[in-house]
Every structure is written in C-alpha cells, then in structure tokens.
Amino acid sequence: MAEQTIDLLIGGNGDCQVKQNAKMANRHGLITGATGTGKTVTLQILAESFSNNGVPVFLADIKGDVSGIGKPANPHPKIDERINTIGIEGYQMKACPVVFWDFFGEKGHPLRTTVSEIGPLLWSSLLELNDTQTGVLYSCFKIADDNGWLLLDLKDLRSMLNWIGENTAELQSEYGNISKASIGAIQRDLLVLEEQDAELFLGEPAINLEDLIRTDFSGNGIINIFDASKIIRTSPRLYATFLLWLLSELFENLPEVGDAEKPKFVMFFDEAHLLFDDAPKVLVDKIEQVVRLIRSKGVGIYFITQSPLDVPESILGQLGLKIQHALRAFTPKDKKTVKVVAETFPENPDIDTEKCITELGTGEALVSVLTEKGQPTPVERILIRPPESRIGPMSDEERKEHLERSPYKGRYETEVDRESAYEILKKRAEENKLVEEKEASQKAQEKKSRSGRKSSNRQSATEAFFKSAARAVGSQLGRSIIRGILGSILK
C-alpha cells in the first residue's frame, strides 16, 4: 500500500505509513480515546513533528507529564521494535526546545492577561451569569471604556461594579437600567473566583503573544508548555476561559498568511470538553467562527478529549486530522457512542471501524488525515510512532534548570500594578470624602455662627420690658406710665 501523505509521520502498521501533509495541518485536528489509551503520547509526537518543522507550539499539560518532551528519549527494546514495525528511517533520540508557563508561577513563567482583554462575553461564561447579569457586565465594560478607566485585575472590576451600584440613577439614562441585585450577584461570583486564585492570572505584565510564536537558533519551533495540572483542579472554567481568550487573541492580532506550506502556530487543547460544557450558544457560535477562520491566519487547533461527541458537531466537521484511540463499550450508552464515533470516519472496506474502536491496544489508533488536496483519507488502523523525546515528566531539578536558561527569565516574574480603575475610583472617593468633610465643616461653622447670633440677641423679660417701654416714651401717655412705674420702683 502506498504512502498516503507526506511531512508529519504519525505511525504505521507494517503495510503503510500514515503522515499528515504539513500544508493541511492548519485544518485542525482531534485526538480522542479513553483514559490510558495513549492520547498524551500522540499529542507529544505531533508536537515534536511540528517543532522539527519549525512550527511553534502551545500545549496545555493537564497531568504534568508532557514536560519530558524537553529531554531526549531513553533507549528501550519496545521503541526499537516499534521503529522496525513501522519502518521508520532516521529515528534519533533528541529533545525539543521548550518554555514553561504556569498561572501560579510555580512550574513556569507567570502567565497573565487583563480583565479588559478577556472581555464581557468570556467573563459572562466564566461566572455563569444569566442574561440580566450579563447585560450589567457589558454596561460595566462600556462605562469603563467611555471613561478611559483600565480594567486590569479583579480589584478593578470589583471597584467598577461598586461605583456603578452607587451611581445607578445617574447612569440609567445613558446605559439603561442597572440592577443592584445583579451587581451583588456578580460580586459574589467574583469572590468565589478569587478563592480559586484567579487574581494570579489577572494583571500585568500580560503575556506578549509574540513570545509564544518563536523558533530557536536552529530553526526549531519552541514548544510552550502550559502547566495546567493545578488550575484544572481548582477552576476548570478558568482554564477553559484562558484557552478561549488565547484563541480569540490570536485570531484578532495575527495577519492573514494565505495558503502557506506549513502552519505559523499550532495549539493543543487537552480536556477540550471543558471549552463547551454549559457554554452559552453565543459563545459556542463564536468558537465555531474563530475555528473556521483562524486557519487563514496559519493557526492549527488540535482538541484532545475522550470522545468526538464532546465537541459540537458544527466544530467537529471542521477538523481534518482525526486520531481515535480505544473506547470502552460496557453499557448500551457506550455502544451507541462507539457506533456514532465510527460513523465520523471515512469508510475503509478492509476495516470494521466500529469493532476496531473497542479492540485497539494502548498506542494503537484509527487515523484519517487530509491529502494535499484537502480530502480525508480512508481510516487506517496503525501503531503510533515512538516519540524522539522522553515519555513522562522532567524532574523538579531539570525543570528548574530549564527555567534558569529560559530567554524570558525575569520578564514576567515581577508583577506591575499601574493606575487603573481601582486607583482612579479610590482617588475619586477620597477627593469626594474631603469635599464632603469640608462642606460638613462649613455647615457646622455656619450653624455655630447662627447659633451665636441668636444667643447674643436673647433678652431677659426685664430687658424686653424696658426696650418696649423706651419705644413708648415718645408718647405723652407713655411718658406718664413710665414715670408712674419708675416712681413706684424708686420708692
């Protein structure tokens, strides 16, 4: 059987080798299969292939076991056996250039972006807001933009919401009705997010996208490994939000590249179902649009999850490379899933796809790639090629050594907190407080002054009488009365 395509070797079965044409690699892909069937190694050999072809890679390391890609493989008889079975020529054990990233700055360079960059749509999904609350959040971002107030971190967003809640009457005519109850609900959600250490991800210096799309001095694409082993436990929705933000930022900022010979950048999204679980339709539609159009920017996206059914059908239809590892069929529901998954592959008369899916061993897969003309090939059952780099994680010492040699050492470690909404509104509140205190002091002085004048004008009954009597002196009768009274007093 002849070779199907060229460039990126995926594996073989003794009769053929299956390769993905690099020109078609920006048509995206999907790696699926049950836990423990070999998805991580498949991700690793694809990332290696892209790096060797000068394509930078970004991959999310969910279990913390992909870091070994930065070290050469260890010799093993099973590797030799698989090399011979597949018929691989020129195999050599070598490391790939890697850079480590981590929200928490523990296992890699800190990875940050700002509240404004994420935008209200992704924030609404992250906080699981209803329509009314979403509308309030959109108003918050619009008010900040109109006033030129930066939203960089969580305290900026909280300050904005507090200020809006205190000024709803003044804002209503321009921005519509803003419910204080909705503001309170959003604030409570932000407190939950803060408990999940989300503030570590929000702030500056924000990641420069150009730092993710680089090659080393030998022309190999740098593999950016995002350690998500901790964030996936504490806040899986934040993990998904970050990946969607990164995808949208690339789409917005990268130029069109046309029909290139290879991708400019490739991304691997592990646990891809998290991107779509409970996501509002407007967000799923946005993802579908970006996936469809971003390939013109030279970006390839590869989703890794347990079943193709985890990915919406509208997006699944845009994925060219499909690699299916084993699925288990213990229940009627499992069997139905296997049947549906088998139908997503182009037929091969020599293979019972549905049966094969449940029979695949670890490191085996059903694969369909795109030809140079963009046509899907019939499904093949193959052995995944052995990686040239190490399977498994680096030690803590090895990772530390890599971080010490990183070209980005010191660039992102020190957090910067420049003037933004929080500082502006805090300053405004302090100025207002001073004005109020000054006005209160003036009012107190005026009140005291008025009180003093009243006190000095206060008269005794006798004083009042004499003043009244003096006014009466002008008349003859008055004078008579005065004399009579004075005479009686003086006696």
Protein backbone atom coordinates (compact mmCIF):
# COMPACT_ATOMS: atom_id res chain seq x y z
CA MET A 1 0.00 0.00 0.00
CA ALA A 2 1.38 3.43 -0.96
CA GLU A 3 2.05 6.27 1.44
CA GLN A 4 -1.00 8.44 1.93
CA THR A 5 0.60 11.83 2.54
CA ILE A 6 3.94 13.43 3.41
CA ASP A 7 5.68 15.51 6.09
CA LEU A 8 4.43 14.66 9.60
CA LEU A 9 4.75 10.97 10.40
CA ILE A 10 2.02 9.76 12.76
CA GLY A 11 2.59 5.99 12.61
CA GLY A 12 2.11 2.88 10.55
CA ASN A 13 1.11 -0.78 10.56
CA GLY A 14 3.76 -2.59 8.52
CA ASP A 15 1.83 -2.15 5.28
CA CYS A 16 1.74 1.63 5.20
CA GLN A 17 2.86 4.76 6.97
CA VAL A 18 0.34 7.47 7.76
CA LYS A 19 1.58 11.04 7.50
CA GLN A 20 -0.13 14.40 7.68
CA ASN A 21 0.76 16.89 4.97
CA ALA A 22 2.14 19.99 6.69
CA LYS A 23 0.23 22.21 4.29
CA MET A 24 -3.04 20.77 5.62
CA ALA A 25 -2.03 20.95 9.28
CA ASN A 26 -3.83 24.26 9.79
CA ARG A 27 -7.11 22.44 9.04
CA HIS A 28 -7.10 21.42 12.70
CA GLY A 29 -7.43 18.00 14.30
CA LEU A 30 -8.88 15.82 17.01
CA ILE A 31 -7.30 13.22 19.31
CA THR A 32 -9.80 11.10 21.25
CA GLY A 33 -9.88 7.96 23.35
CA ALA A 34 -10.46 6.60 26.82
CA THR A 35 -8.09 7.33 29.69
CA GLY A 36 -4.83 5.38 29.44
CA THR A 37 -5.05 4.57 25.73
CA GLY A 38 -2.16 6.77 24.55
CA LYS A 39 -3.60 10.23 23.80
CA THR A 40 -0.75 12.03 25.60
CA VAL A 41 1.96 10.26 23.59
CA THR A 42 0.07 11.07 20.38
CA LEU A 43 -0.03 14.72 21.40
CA GLN A 44 3.71 14.50 22.09
CA ILE A 45 4.69 13.04 18.71
CA LEU A 46 2.60 15.63 16.87
CA ALA A 47 4.14 18.49 18.88
CA GLU A 48 7.59 17.07 18.11
CA SER A 49 6.84 16.88 14.40
CA PHE A 50 5.67 20.48 14.28
CA SER A 51 8.70 21.67 16.25
CA ASN A 52 11.07 19.77 13.96
CA ASN A 53 9.43 21.50 11.00
CA GLY A 54 9.96 24.96 12.51
CA VAL A 55 6.39 25.44 13.78
CA PRO A 56 6.00 26.90 17.31
CA VAL A 57 3.57 25.00 19.55
CA PHE A 58 1.40 25.80 22.55
CA LEU A 59 0.10 22.85 24.55
CA ALA A 60 -1.75 22.50 27.83
CA ASP A 61 -0.21 19.91 30.13
CA ILE A 62 -3.14 18.66 32.18
CA LYS A 63 -1.42 15.88 34.12
CA GLY A 64 2.03 17.44 34.32
CA ASP A 65 3.60 14.61 32.34
CA VAL A 66 4.44 16.23 28.98
CA SER A 67 7.49 18.14 30.18
CA GLY A 68 9.77 15.23 29.19
CA ILE A 69 9.47 16.49 25.61
CA GLY A 70 12.33 18.81 26.55
CA LYS A 71 14.64 15.81 27.11
CA PRO A 72 15.78 13.05 24.71
CA ALA A 73 14.07 9.67 24.88
CA ASN A 74 15.61 6.81 26.84
CA PRO A 75 16.58 3.70 24.85
CA HIS A 76 14.16 0.78 25.19
CA PRO A 77 13.63 -2.50 23.32
CA LYS A 78 9.96 -1.68 22.71
CA ILE A 79 10.97 1.53 20.96
CA ASP A 80 13.30 -0.44 18.68
CA GLU A 81 10.53 -2.95 17.99
CA ARG A 82 8.03 -0.26 17.02
CA ILE A 83 10.59 1.54 14.83
CA ASN A 84 11.13 -1.68 12.90
CA THR A 85 7.41 -2.47 12.64
CA ILE A 86 6.53 0.98 11.28
CA GLY A 87 9.65 1.18 9.14
CA ILE A 88 10.94 4.49 10.47
CA GLU A 89 14.16 5.76 8.93
CA GLY A 90 16.48 8.29 10.54
CA TYR A 91 14.99 7.98 14.04
CA GLN A 92 17.10 9.77 16.65
CA MET A 93 16.53 10.43 20.31
CA LYS A 94 16.57 14.18 20.91
CA ALA A 95 14.99 16.94 22.96
CA CYS A 96 12.71 19.70 21.74
CA PRO A 97 13.16 23.35 22.75
CA VAL A 98 10.62 24.14 25.47
CA VAL A 99 9.44 27.10 27.54
CA PHE A 100 7.34 26.52 30.66
CA TRP A 101 4.35 28.64 31.71
CA ASP A 102 2.16 28.48 34.80
CA PHE A 103 -0.70 30.63 36.19
CA PHE A 104 0.82 30.32 39.65
CA GLY A 105 4.43 30.96 38.61
CA GLU A 106 5.48 27.73 40.32
CA LYS A 107 6.34 25.44 37.40
CA GLY A 108 6.90 28.07 34.75
CA HIS A 109 6.85 31.76 33.95
CA PRO A 110 3.73 33.53 35.24
CA LEU A 111 1.02 33.64 32.60
CA ARG A 112 -1.27 36.67 32.84
CA THR A 113 -3.78 38.71 30.92
CA THR A 114 -6.11 41.54 31.94
CA VAL A 115 -9.81 41.75 32.73
CA SER A 116 -10.36 44.01 29.72
CA GLU A 117 -8.59 41.64 27.34
CA ILE A 118 -10.82 38.72 28.36
CA GLY A 119 -13.91 40.81 27.63
CA PRO A 120 -17.51 40.61 28.87
CA LEU A 121 -18.55 37.60 26.76
CA LEU A 122 -15.94 35.26 28.24
CA TRP A 123 -16.43 36.76 31.70
CA SER A 124 -20.15 36.05 31.50
CA SER A 125 -19.42 32.43 30.62
CA LEU A 126 -16.76 32.10 33.32
CA LEU A 127 -19.10 33.47 36.01
CA GLU A 128 -22.12 31.59 34.61
CA LEU A 129 -24.23 34.75 34.54
CA ASN A 130 -27.84 34.95 33.42
CA ASP A 131 -28.99 37.36 30.70
CA THR A 132 -29.72 40.23 33.08
CA GLN A 133 -26.38 39.90 34.85
CA THR A 134 -24.61 39.63 31.50
CA GLY A 135 -26.21 42.90 30.43
CA VAL A 136 -24.95 44.59 33.59
CA LEU A 137 -21.44 43.28 32.96
CA TYR A 138 -21.48 44.60 29.40
CA SER A 139 -22.55 48.00 30.80
CA CYS A 140 -19.65 47.86 33.25
CA PHE A 141 -17.14 47.37 30.45
CA LYS A 142 -18.78 50.10 28.32
CA ILE A 143 -18.71 52.62 31.18
CA ALA A 144 -15.05 51.84 31.84
CA ASP A 145 -14.21 52.29 28.16
CA ASP A 146 -16.15 55.55 27.92
CA ASN A 147 -14.27 56.97 30.90
CA GLY A 148 -10.88 55.62 29.88
CA TRP A 149 -10.58 53.50 33.02
CA LEU A 150 -8.44 50.38 32.62
CA LEU A 151 -9.75 47.07 33.95
CA LEU A 152 -6.59 45.11 34.66
CA ASP A 153 -7.29 42.87 37.64
CA LEU A 154 -10.09 41.69 39.91
CA LYS A 155 -9.96 44.71 42.21
CA ASP A 156 -10.52 46.95 39.18
CA LEU A 157 -13.63 45.02 38.21
CA ARG A 158 -14.97 44.98 41.77
CA SER A 159 -14.35 48.73 42.14
CA MET A 160 -16.20 49.42 38.89
CA LEU A 161 -19.19 47.37 39.98
CA ASN A 162 -19.28 49.12 43.38
CA TRP A 163 -19.12 52.54 41.76
CA ILE A 164 -21.85 51.67 39.27
CA GLY A 165 -24.05 50.40 42.12
CA GLU A 166 -23.63 53.74 43.93
CA ASN A 167 -24.46 55.76 40.80
CA THR A 168 -27.20 53.76 39.09
CA ALA A 169 -29.59 56.75 38.98
CA GLU A 170 -27.09 58.96 37.14
CA LEU A 171 -26.06 56.16 34.73
CA GLN A 172 -29.53 54.90 33.88
CA SER A 173 -30.36 57.46 31.21
CA GLU A 174 -27.28 56.57 29.13
CA TYR A 175 -26.66 52.90 29.92
CA GLY A 176 -30.14 51.62 30.76
CA ASN A 177 -31.45 50.02 33.90
CA ILE A 178 -28.70 48.55 36.06
CA SER A 179 -29.96 46.18 38.71
CA LYS A 180 -28.25 46.41 42.08
CA ALA A 181 -29.28 42.81 42.72
CA SER A 182 -27.37 41.73 39.59
CA ILE A 183 -24.33 43.71 40.70
CA GLY A 184 -24.45 41.92 44.03
CA ALA A 185 -24.68 38.51 42.32
CA ILE A 186 -21.68 39.29 40.12
CA GLN A 187 -19.68 40.45 43.13
CA ARG A 188 -20.41 37.18 44.93
CA ASP A 189 -19.25 35.19 41.89
CA LEU A 190 -16.04 37.21 41.81
CA LEU A 191 -15.38 36.32 45.46
CA VAL A 192 -15.65 32.63 44.57
CA LEU A 193 -13.26 33.16 41.68
CA GLU A 194 -10.83 34.96 43.97
CA GLU A 195 -10.88 31.96 46.33
CA GLN A 196 -9.69 29.90 43.34
CA ASP A 197 -6.61 32.15 42.98
CA ALA A 198 -7.87 33.71 39.76
CA GLU A 199 -6.20 37.01 40.64
CA LEU A 200 -2.84 35.38 39.91
CA PHE A 201 -3.86 35.10 36.27
CA LEU A 202 -5.17 38.67 36.01
CA GLY A 203 -2.84 41.63 35.87
CA GLU A 204 0.37 42.81 34.27
CA PRO A 205 2.78 42.23 32.67
CA ALA A 206 0.38 40.42 30.37
CA ILE A 207 1.68 37.73 28.06
CA ASN A 208 3.06 39.02 24.77
CA LEU A 209 1.69 36.75 22.04
CA GLU A 210 4.91 37.11 20.07
CA ASP A 211 6.73 35.33 22.91
CA LEU A 212 4.67 32.22 22.16
CA ILE A 213 5.41 32.19 18.44
CA ARG A 214 9.16 31.83 18.23
CA THR A 215 11.82 29.43 16.94
CA ASP A 216 15.19 28.64 18.47
CA PHE A 217 18.60 29.39 16.92
CA SER A 218 18.40 26.10 14.96
CA GLY A 219 15.06 26.98 13.41
CA ASN A 220 13.05 24.52 15.51
CA GLY A 221 9.69 25.69 16.77
CA ILE A 222 9.64 26.34 20.50
CA ILE A 223 7.09 24.24 22.38
CA ASN A 224 5.32 26.32 25.04
CA ILE A 225 4.12 24.01 27.82
CA PHE A 226 1.37 25.48 29.97
CA ASP A 227 1.23 23.55 33.24
CA ALA A 228 -2.49 23.24 33.93
CA SER A 229 -2.28 20.42 36.48
CA LYS A 230 -3.28 22.73 39.36
CA ILE A 231 -5.74 25.10 37.70
CA ILE A 232 -7.68 22.20 36.19
CA ARG A 233 -8.47 21.08 39.75
CA THR A 234 -9.18 24.46 41.31
CA SER A 235 -11.03 26.15 38.45
CA PRO A 236 -11.59 24.19 35.23
CA ARG A 237 -13.79 27.00 33.88
CA LEU A 238 -10.91 29.46 34.27
CA TYR A 239 -8.68 27.04 32.36
CA ALA A 240 -11.22 26.88 29.53
CA THR A 241 -11.68 30.66 29.57
CA PHE A 242 -7.95 31.23 29.21
CA LEU A 243 -7.69 28.91 26.21
CA LEU A 244 -10.64 30.59 24.50
CA TRP A 245 -9.15 34.01 25.22
CA LEU A 246 -5.82 32.94 23.73
CA LEU A 247 -7.57 31.60 20.66
CA SER A 248 -9.53 34.80 20.13
CA GLU A 249 -6.46 36.99 20.70
CA LEU A 250 -4.53 35.12 18.03
CA PHE A 251 -7.44 35.48 15.67
CA GLU A 252 -7.71 39.22 16.30
CA ASN A 253 -3.99 40.02 16.10
CA LEU A 254 -2.32 37.71 13.60
CA PRO A 255 -2.17 38.74 9.95
CA GLU A 256 -3.55 36.67 7.08
CA VAL A 257 -0.94 34.30 5.67
CA GLY A 258 -2.83 32.76 2.77
CA ASP A 259 -2.08 29.24 1.57
CA ALA A 260 1.18 28.60 3.45
CA GLU A 261 3.35 25.49 3.21
CA LYS A 262 3.04 24.89 6.94
CA PRO A 263 1.23 26.44 9.92
CA LYS A 264 2.60 29.51 11.63
CA PHE A 265 1.49 28.27 15.04
CA VAL A 266 -0.23 25.17 16.46
CA MET A 267 -2.24 24.81 19.66
CA PHE A 268 -3.22 21.66 21.56
CA PHE A 269 -6.24 21.93 23.88
CA ASP A 270 -6.42 19.00 26.30
CA GLU A 271 -9.71 18.26 28.11
CA ALA A 272 -11.41 20.07 25.25
CA HIS A 273 -14.90 19.25 26.52
CA LEU A 274 -14.39 21.95 29.17
CA LEU A 275 -14.48 24.56 26.40
CA PHE A 276 -18.04 23.61 25.55
CA ASP A 277 -19.63 22.27 28.75
CA ASP A 278 -22.54 24.56 29.71
CA ALA A 279 -21.20 27.26 27.37
CA PRO A 280 -23.93 29.65 26.14
CA LYS A 281 -24.87 29.34 22.49
CA VAL A 282 -23.43 32.76 21.68
CA LEU A 283 -20.03 31.59 22.94
CA VAL A 284 -20.16 28.28 21.05
CA ASP A 285 -21.06 30.22 17.90
CA LYS A 286 -18.07 32.49 18.50
CA ILE A 287 -15.74 29.49 18.91
CA GLU A 288 -17.09 27.95 15.71
CA GLN A 289 -16.45 31.19 13.83
CA VAL A 290 -12.89 31.51 15.14
CA VAL A 291 -12.05 27.86 14.40
CA ARG A 292 -13.36 28.25 10.86
CA LEU A 293 -11.49 31.47 10.12
CA ILE A 294 -8.26 31.22 12.12
CA ARG A 295 -6.71 28.72 9.73
CA SER A 296 -6.30 31.62 7.29
CA LYS A 297 -4.00 33.13 9.94
CA GLY A 298 -1.87 29.99 9.78
CA VAL A 299 -3.03 28.60 13.13
CA GLY A 300 -3.86 24.93 13.61
CA ILE A 301 -6.01 23.82 16.57
CA TYR A 302 -5.96 20.29 17.94
CA PHE A 303 -8.55 19.21 20.50
CA ILE A 304 -7.86 16.30 22.88
CA THR A 305 -10.79 14.69 24.69
CA GLN A 306 -12.32 11.28 25.37
CA SER A 307 -14.98 11.22 22.67
CA PRO A 308 -15.62 13.13 19.43
CA LEU A 309 -19.12 13.72 20.81
CA ASP A 310 -17.59 16.10 23.36
CA VAL A 311 -17.10 18.58 20.53
CA PRO A 312 -20.10 20.36 18.94
CA GLU A 313 -20.97 18.96 15.53
CA SER A 314 -20.50 22.36 13.86
CA ILE A 315 -16.87 22.39 15.03
CA LEU A 316 -16.24 18.67 14.62
CA GLY A 317 -16.93 19.00 10.90
CA GLN A 318 -14.03 21.46 10.56
CA LEU A 319 -11.40 19.12 12.00
CA GLY A 320 -9.28 17.50 9.29
CA LEU A 321 -6.95 15.13 11.16
CA LYS A 322 -8.77 12.55 13.29
CA ILE A 323 -6.96 10.15 15.61
CA GLN A 324 -9.13 7.77 17.59
CA HIS A 325 -7.71 5.65 20.39
CA ALA A 326 -9.68 2.90 22.09
CA LEU A 327 -13.12 3.44 23.61
CA ARG A 328 -14.79 1.10 26.05
CA ALA A 329 -18.29 -0.25 25.41
CA PHE A 330 -19.57 -1.68 28.70
CA THR A 331 -23.10 -0.24 28.59
CA PRO A 332 -25.76 0.28 25.90
CA LYS A 333 -24.93 4.00 26.01
CA ASP A 334 -21.23 3.23 25.44
CA LYS A 335 -22.09 1.01 22.47
CA LYS A 336 -24.22 3.73 20.96
CA THR A 337 -21.37 6.20 21.37
CA VAL A 338 -18.92 3.84 19.66
CA LYS A 339 -21.32 3.42 16.73
CA VAL A 340 -21.71 7.19 16.30
CA VAL A 341 -17.93 7.74 16.57
CA ALA A 342 -17.28 5.10 13.91
CA GLU A 343 -19.57 6.99 11.55
CA THR A 344 -17.40 10.11 11.81
CA PHE A 345 -14.57 8.34 9.91
CA PRO A 346 -14.36 7.88 6.13
CA GLU A 347 -15.00 4.21 5.39
CA ASN A 348 -12.29 1.69 4.62
CA PRO A 349 -13.66 -1.57 3.16
CA ASP A 350 -10.86 -3.51 4.83
CA ILE A 351 -11.68 -2.27 8.36
CA ASP A 352 -14.71 -2.71 10.59
CA THR A 353 -14.31 0.68 12.25
CA GLU A 354 -16.93 0.16 14.95
CA LYS A 355 -15.38 -3.13 16.04
CA CYS A 356 -11.82 -1.80 15.89
CA ILE A 357 -12.54 1.11 18.22
CA THR A 358 -13.12 -1.27 21.13
CA GLU A 359 -10.23 -3.60 20.22
CA LEU A 360 -7.41 -1.06 19.93
CA GLY A 361 -4.47 -1.59 22.28
CA THR A 362 -2.51 1.13 24.04
CA GLY A 363 -0.55 3.10 21.45
CA GLU A 364 -2.82 1.96 18.61
CA ALA A 365 -5.25 4.28 16.85
CA LEU A 366 -7.63 4.68 13.95
CA VAL A 367 -6.44 7.60 11.84
CA SER A 368 -7.74 9.65 8.93
CA VAL A 369 -5.67 12.54 7.53
CA LEU A 370 -6.13 15.12 4.81
CA THR A 371 -4.46 14.76 1.44
CA GLU A 372 -2.68 17.68 -0.19
CA LYS A 373 -5.98 18.50 -1.90
CA GLY A 374 -7.80 18.61 1.44
CA GLN A 375 -9.64 15.29 1.02
CA PRO A 376 -9.98 12.94 4.04
CA THR A 377 -8.30 9.58 3.54
CA PRO A 378 -9.97 6.26 4.40
CA VAL A 379 -9.44 5.30 8.03
CA GLU A 380 -6.36 3.21 8.86
CA ARG A 381 -5.52 1.19 11.95
CA ILE A 382 -1.93 1.98 12.94
CA LEU A 383 0.66 1.98 15.69
CA ILE A 384 1.56 5.49 16.84
CA ARG A 385 5.26 6.14 16.24
CA PRO A 386 7.54 6.36 19.30
CA PRO A 387 8.50 9.90 20.33
CA GLU A 388 12.09 11.02 19.97
CA SER A 389 11.82 12.82 23.31
CA ARG A 390 11.29 11.36 26.75
CA ILE A 391 7.91 9.96 27.75
CA GLY A 392 6.98 11.25 31.19
CA PRO A 393 7.76 14.39 33.20
CA MET A 394 11.02 16.16 33.91
CA SER A 395 12.28 16.11 37.46
CA ASP A 396 11.93 19.30 39.52
CA GLU A 397 15.67 19.89 39.16
CA GLU A 398 15.55 19.53 35.37
CA ARG A 399 12.61 21.89 35.11
CA LYS A 400 14.36 24.44 37.32
CA GLU A 401 17.43 24.23 35.09
CA HIS A 402 15.29 24.95 32.03
CA LEU A 403 13.70 27.94 33.71
CA GLU A 404 17.11 29.33 34.59
CA ARG A 405 18.12 29.17 30.91
CA SER A 406 14.83 30.49 29.59
CA PRO A 407 15.01 33.51 27.27
CA TYR A 408 12.10 35.00 29.24
CA LYS A 409 13.67 34.70 32.67
CA GLY A 410 12.81 37.82 34.70
CA ARG A 411 10.42 39.24 32.08
CA TYR A 412 7.16 38.17 33.68
CA GLU A 413 8.08 37.34 37.27
CA THR A 414 7.64 40.82 38.78
CA GLU A 415 4.01 41.97 38.82
CA VAL A 416 3.24 45.56 37.79
CA ASP A 417 0.25 47.45 39.20
CA ARG A 418 -0.19 50.67 37.26
CA GLU A 419 -3.02 53.16 37.67
CA SER A 420 -6.31 51.64 36.61
CA ALA A 421 -9.99 51.72 37.60
CA TYR A 422 -9.33 50.77 41.22
CA GLU A 423 -6.78 53.53 41.80
CA ILE A 424 -8.81 56.13 39.89
CA LEU A 425 -12.05 55.38 41.73
CA LYS A 426 -10.25 55.17 45.07
CA LYS A 427 -8.69 58.60 44.46
CA ARG A 428 -12.06 59.98 43.37
CA ALA A 429 -13.71 58.57 46.51
CA GLU A 430 -11.02 60.14 48.70
CA GLU A 431 -11.45 63.52 46.97
CA ASN A 432 -15.21 63.30 47.37
CA LYS A 433 -14.77 62.46 51.03
CA LEU A 434 -12.55 65.53 51.52
CA VAL A 435 -15.12 67.71 49.76
CA GLU A 436 -17.90 66.28 51.89
CA GLU A 437 -15.87 66.79 55.05
CA LYS A 438 -15.12 70.39 54.02
CA GLU A 439 -18.77 71.05 53.25
CA ALA A 440 -19.80 69.47 56.52
CA SER A 441 -17.26 71.63 58.37
CA GLN A 442 -18.54 74.80 56.66
CA LYS A 443 -22.12 73.92 57.51
CA ALA A 444 -21.14 73.32 61.11
CA GLN A 445 -19.40 76.71 61.26
CA GLU A 446 -22.39 78.46 59.75
CA LYS A 447 -24.71 76.71 62.17
CA LYS A 448 -22.48 77.71 65.07
CA SER A 449 -22.35 81.29 63.83
CA ARG A 450 -26.14 81.47 63.54
CA SER A 451 -26.45 79.92 66.96
CA GLY A 452 -24.11 82.59 68.43
CA ARG A 453 -26.07 85.44 66.93
CA LYS A 454 -29.29 84.09 68.38
CA SER A 455 -27.65 83.76 71.78
CA SER A 456 -26.45 87.40 71.79
CA ASN A 457 -29.89 88.66 70.80
CA ARG A 458 -31.60 86.73 73.52
CA GLN A 459 -33.24 89.11 76.10
CA SER A 460 -34.42 88.76 79.64
CA ALA A 461 -38.05 89.62 80.40
CA THR A 462 -36.96 92.82 82.17
CA GLU A 463 -34.75 93.90 79.20
CA ALA A 464 -37.58 93.29 76.84
CA PHE A 465 -39.89 95.29 79.01
CA PHE A 466 -37.54 98.29 79.23
CA LYS A 467 -36.95 98.25 75.47
CA SER A 468 -40.65 98.17 74.93
CA ALA A 469 -41.10 100.96 77.43
CA ALA A 470 -38.43 103.05 75.72
CA ARG A 471 -40.31 102.78 72.49
CA ALA A 472 -43.35 104.11 74.32
CA VAL A 473 -41.58 107.22 75.68
CA GLY A 474 -42.39 109.10 72.53
CA SER A 475 -45.99 109.49 73.52
CA GLN A 476 -47.32 111.67 76.38
CA LEU A 477 -49.25 108.71 77.69
CA GLY A 478 -46.20 106.60 77.59
CA ARG A 479 -44.15 109.05 79.47
CA SER A 480 -46.82 109.18 82.20
CA ILE A 481 -46.80 105.44 82.56
CA ILE A 482 -43.01 105.35 82.80
CA ARG A 483 -42.89 107.96 85.46
CA GLY A 484 -45.52 106.21 87.50
CA ILE A 485 -43.72 102.90 87.31
CA LEU A 486 -40.28 104.34 87.99
CA GLY A 487 -41.65 106.26 90.90
CA SER A 488 -43.03 103.13 92.45
CA ILE A 489 -39.74 101.29 91.96
CA LEU A 490 -37.61 104.11 93.39
CA LYS A 491 -39.74 104.46 96.43
